[in-house]
Amino acid sequence: MTEPLAEVEPARLPGFSLQLADAYLYQATVARVEDPAAKQGDQATLEIRRVSVSIQEEDRVLVVVIGAKVNVAFREGHRLEVDCATAGHFRSQDPIKEADGREFADNSALVLIYPYLRANIGEIGRMTGLAVPALPTLDVSGTLEALRRHASAIEPSRTRRTRARKAEAAATP
């Protein structure tokens, strides 16, 4: 005679403060552009950028949008330009501090959203009927370092503008 199995409590998975709740196509433009310098077989170009970061404190949501622009020559004098942005919605059980949200956006969010961006560009490329090369897999350390350099180059100008606006607002009666 066998004994009944003991009740087993379900395993609890560790939670992280920010979880990817959704990722979707945010914006896309596709254009066939006349370019006298374009030659079939030219190497495609790729530019990846962080488009925006938004913290919705009341909902405990962080929205990060990253984008990529791909240019590929498809025949003499013509190239295809695909500009695509993908949004990732991250939810938190705790309030999201501005500094923590920005740090997460500059590091982890890119790594989590990039596969969706890559898939979106691949699908758009397939719909054009042209040979759009697949985006490379992500070199995490190299990409994060490039984003940090870019962020440090633009942050000082944002800070100066913010200070100037605050000073102007304080001076206005």
Protein backbone atom coordinates (compact mmCIF):
# COMPACT_ATOMS: atom_id res chain seq x y z
CA MET A 1 0.00 0.00 0.00
CA THR A 2 1.35 3.41 -0.90
CA GLU A 3 1.13 6.46 1.26
CA PRO A 4 -0.46 9.60 -0.14
CA LEU A 5 1.95 12.26 -1.24
CA ALA A 6 2.49 15.03 1.24
CA GLU A 7 1.22 18.42 0.23
CA VAL A 8 4.03 20.40 -1.27
CA GLU A 9 4.07 24.17 -1.07
CA PRO A 10 4.69 25.76 -4.47
CA ALA A 11 8.19 27.06 -4.99
CA ARG A 12 8.56 30.80 -4.65
CA LEU A 13 10.67 32.42 -7.31
CA PRO A 14 12.83 35.37 -6.33
CA GLY A 15 11.38 38.71 -7.31
CA PHE A 16 13.30 41.66 -8.61
CA SER A 17 12.36 45.23 -7.93
CA LEU A 18 11.62 45.87 -11.63
CA GLN A 19 10.05 43.24 -13.87
CA LEU A 20 9.50 43.51 -17.62
CA ALA A 21 5.70 43.48 -17.92
CA ASP A 22 5.36 44.25 -21.64
CA ALA A 23 7.43 45.07 -24.72
CA TYR A 24 5.93 46.28 -27.97
CA LEU A 25 6.57 48.14 -31.21
CA TYR A 26 6.44 51.82 -30.31
CA GLN A 27 7.15 53.48 -33.65
CA ALA A 28 8.40 52.45 -37.08
CA THR A 29 9.16 54.17 -40.35
CA VAL A 30 10.34 52.53 -43.52
CA ALA A 31 11.50 54.43 -46.58
CA ARG A 32 13.06 53.54 -49.92
CA VAL A 33 15.45 56.42 -50.46
CA GLU A 34 17.22 57.52 -53.62
CA ASP A 35 20.91 57.78 -52.84
CA PRO A 36 23.33 58.16 -55.77
CA ALA A 37 26.19 56.92 -53.59
CA ALA A 38 24.41 53.66 -52.66
CA LYS A 39 25.79 50.55 -54.32
CA GLN A 40 24.32 47.10 -53.99
CA GLY A 41 26.54 45.10 -51.67
CA ASP A 42 27.50 48.09 -49.52
CA GLN A 43 27.68 47.21 -45.85
CA ALA A 44 24.50 48.01 -43.93
CA THR A 45 24.74 50.60 -41.15
CA LEU A 46 23.17 50.34 -37.71
CA GLU A 47 22.61 52.99 -35.07
CA ILE A 48 21.08 52.07 -31.69
CA ARG A 49 19.85 54.72 -29.27
CA ARG A 50 17.82 55.19 -26.13
CA VAL A 51 14.79 57.24 -27.15
CA SER A 52 13.17 58.02 -23.82
CA VAL A 53 12.78 57.09 -20.17
CA SER A 54 9.58 57.79 -18.28
CA ILE A 55 8.86 57.05 -14.64
CA GLN A 56 5.20 56.88 -13.68
CA GLU A 57 5.57 56.98 -9.91
CA GLU A 58 1.88 56.60 -9.03
CA ASP A 59 1.63 53.38 -11.07
CA ARG A 60 5.13 52.17 -10.15
CA VAL A 61 5.95 51.84 -13.84
CA LEU A 62 9.14 52.60 -15.73
CA VAL A 63 8.83 52.93 -19.51
CA VAL A 64 12.02 52.74 -21.55
CA VAL A 65 12.02 53.18 -25.32
CA ILE A 66 15.05 52.15 -27.40
CA GLY A 67 15.41 52.56 -31.11
CA ALA A 68 17.51 51.45 -34.03
CA LYS A 69 18.06 52.83 -37.49
CA VAL A 70 19.20 50.47 -40.24
CA ASN A 71 20.31 51.60 -43.71
CA VAL A 72 20.92 49.02 -46.40
CA ALA A 73 21.55 49.48 -50.13
CA PHE A 74 19.22 47.25 -52.11
CA ARG A 75 20.23 48.31 -55.63
CA GLU A 76 22.38 50.91 -57.35
CA GLY A 77 21.34 54.37 -56.21
CA HIS A 78 18.74 53.16 -53.70
CA ARG A 79 18.76 52.24 -50.06
CA LEU A 80 16.20 51.11 -47.52
CA GLU A 81 15.98 53.06 -44.28
CA VAL A 82 14.25 51.34 -41.35
CA ASP A 83 13.82 53.37 -38.17
CA CYS A 84 12.17 51.43 -35.37
CA ALA A 85 11.57 51.99 -31.65
CA THR A 86 10.48 49.43 -29.09
CA ALA A 87 9.05 50.23 -25.66
CA GLY A 88 9.48 48.17 -22.53
CA HIS A 89 7.15 48.58 -19.56
CA PHE A 90 8.70 47.61 -16.25
CA ARG A 91 6.62 47.30 -13.09
CA SER A 92 7.81 47.52 -9.53
CA GLN A 93 6.33 46.54 -6.18
CA ASP A 94 8.12 49.49 -4.63
CA PRO A 95 8.21 53.17 -5.57
CA ILE A 96 10.77 53.89 -8.30
CA LYS A 97 13.28 56.57 -7.44
CA GLU A 98 14.40 58.80 -10.32
CA ALA A 99 18.09 57.88 -9.97
CA ASP A 100 17.34 54.14 -9.74
CA GLY A 101 15.02 54.26 -12.74
CA ARG A 102 17.60 56.04 -14.89
CA GLU A 103 20.37 53.67 -13.84
CA PHE A 104 18.15 50.68 -14.64
CA ALA A 105 17.25 52.23 -18.02
CA ASP A 106 20.93 52.74 -18.85
CA ASN A 107 21.91 49.20 -17.95
CA SER A 108 19.42 46.38 -17.53
CA ALA A 109 16.50 47.74 -19.57
CA LEU A 110 18.51 47.82 -22.80
CA VAL A 111 19.54 44.20 -22.39
CA LEU A 112 15.93 43.15 -21.73
CA ILE A 113 14.29 45.18 -24.53
CA TYR A 114 16.90 44.66 -27.27
CA PRO A 115 15.69 41.17 -28.33
CA TYR A 116 12.23 42.66 -28.99
CA LEU A 117 13.74 45.53 -30.99
CA ARG A 118 15.78 43.02 -32.98
CA ALA A 119 12.67 40.94 -33.70
CA ASN A 120 10.66 44.02 -34.72
CA ILE A 121 13.32 45.15 -37.20
CA GLY A 122 13.59 41.62 -38.57
CA GLU A 123 9.84 41.44 -39.11
CA ILE A 124 9.69 44.87 -40.75
CA GLY A 125 12.58 43.85 -42.99
CA ARG A 126 10.74 40.68 -44.05
CA MET A 127 7.64 42.72 -44.89
CA THR A 128 9.63 44.96 -47.27
CA GLY A 129 10.59 42.00 -49.42
CA LEU A 130 14.20 43.22 -49.40
CA ALA A 131 17.23 41.55 -47.87
CA VAL A 132 17.60 43.40 -44.56
CA PRO A 133 20.39 41.82 -42.53
CA ALA A 134 19.47 40.56 -39.08
CA LEU A 135 20.58 42.79 -36.23
CA PRO A 136 23.51 41.27 -34.39
CA THR A 137 23.07 39.72 -31.01
CA LEU A 138 23.90 42.14 -28.27
CA ASP A 139 27.46 42.64 -27.03
CA VAL A 140 26.22 43.56 -23.57
CA SER A 141 29.39 45.00 -22.10
CA GLY A 142 30.37 46.95 -25.22
CA THR A 143 26.89 48.36 -25.75
CA LEU A 144 26.47 49.39 -22.11
CA GLU A 145 29.84 51.16 -22.17
CA ALA A 146 28.87 53.07 -25.33
CA LEU A 147 25.54 54.08 -23.78
CA ARG A 148 27.30 55.27 -20.61
CA ARG A 149 29.66 57.42 -22.69
CA HIS A 150 26.71 58.83 -24.64
CA ALA A 151 24.70 59.50 -21.45
CA SER A 152 27.62 61.24 -19.74
CA ALA A 153 28.11 63.42 -22.82
CA ILE A 154 24.49 64.62 -22.90
CA GLU A 155 23.66 64.77 -19.16
CA PRO A 156 25.65 67.95 -18.41
CA SER A 157 23.73 69.94 -21.03
CA ARG A 158 20.41 68.65 -19.66
CA THR A 159 21.48 69.61 -16.15
CA ARG A 160 22.43 73.14 -17.26
CA ARG A 161 19.10 73.59 -19.04
CA THR A 162 17.20 72.33 -15.99
CA ARG A 163 19.10 74.68 -13.68
CA ALA A 164 18.48 77.60 -16.04
CA ARG A 165 14.73 76.86 -16.17
CA LYS A 166 14.55 76.58 -12.36
CA ALA A 167 16.48 79.83 -11.90
CA GLU A 168 14.21 81.56 -14.41
CA ALA A 169 11.08 80.24 -12.68
CA ALA A 170 12.40 81.33 -9.26
CA ALA A 171 13.17 84.84 -10.57
CA THR A 172 9.68 85.25 -12.06
CA PRO A 173 7.30 86.85 -9.49
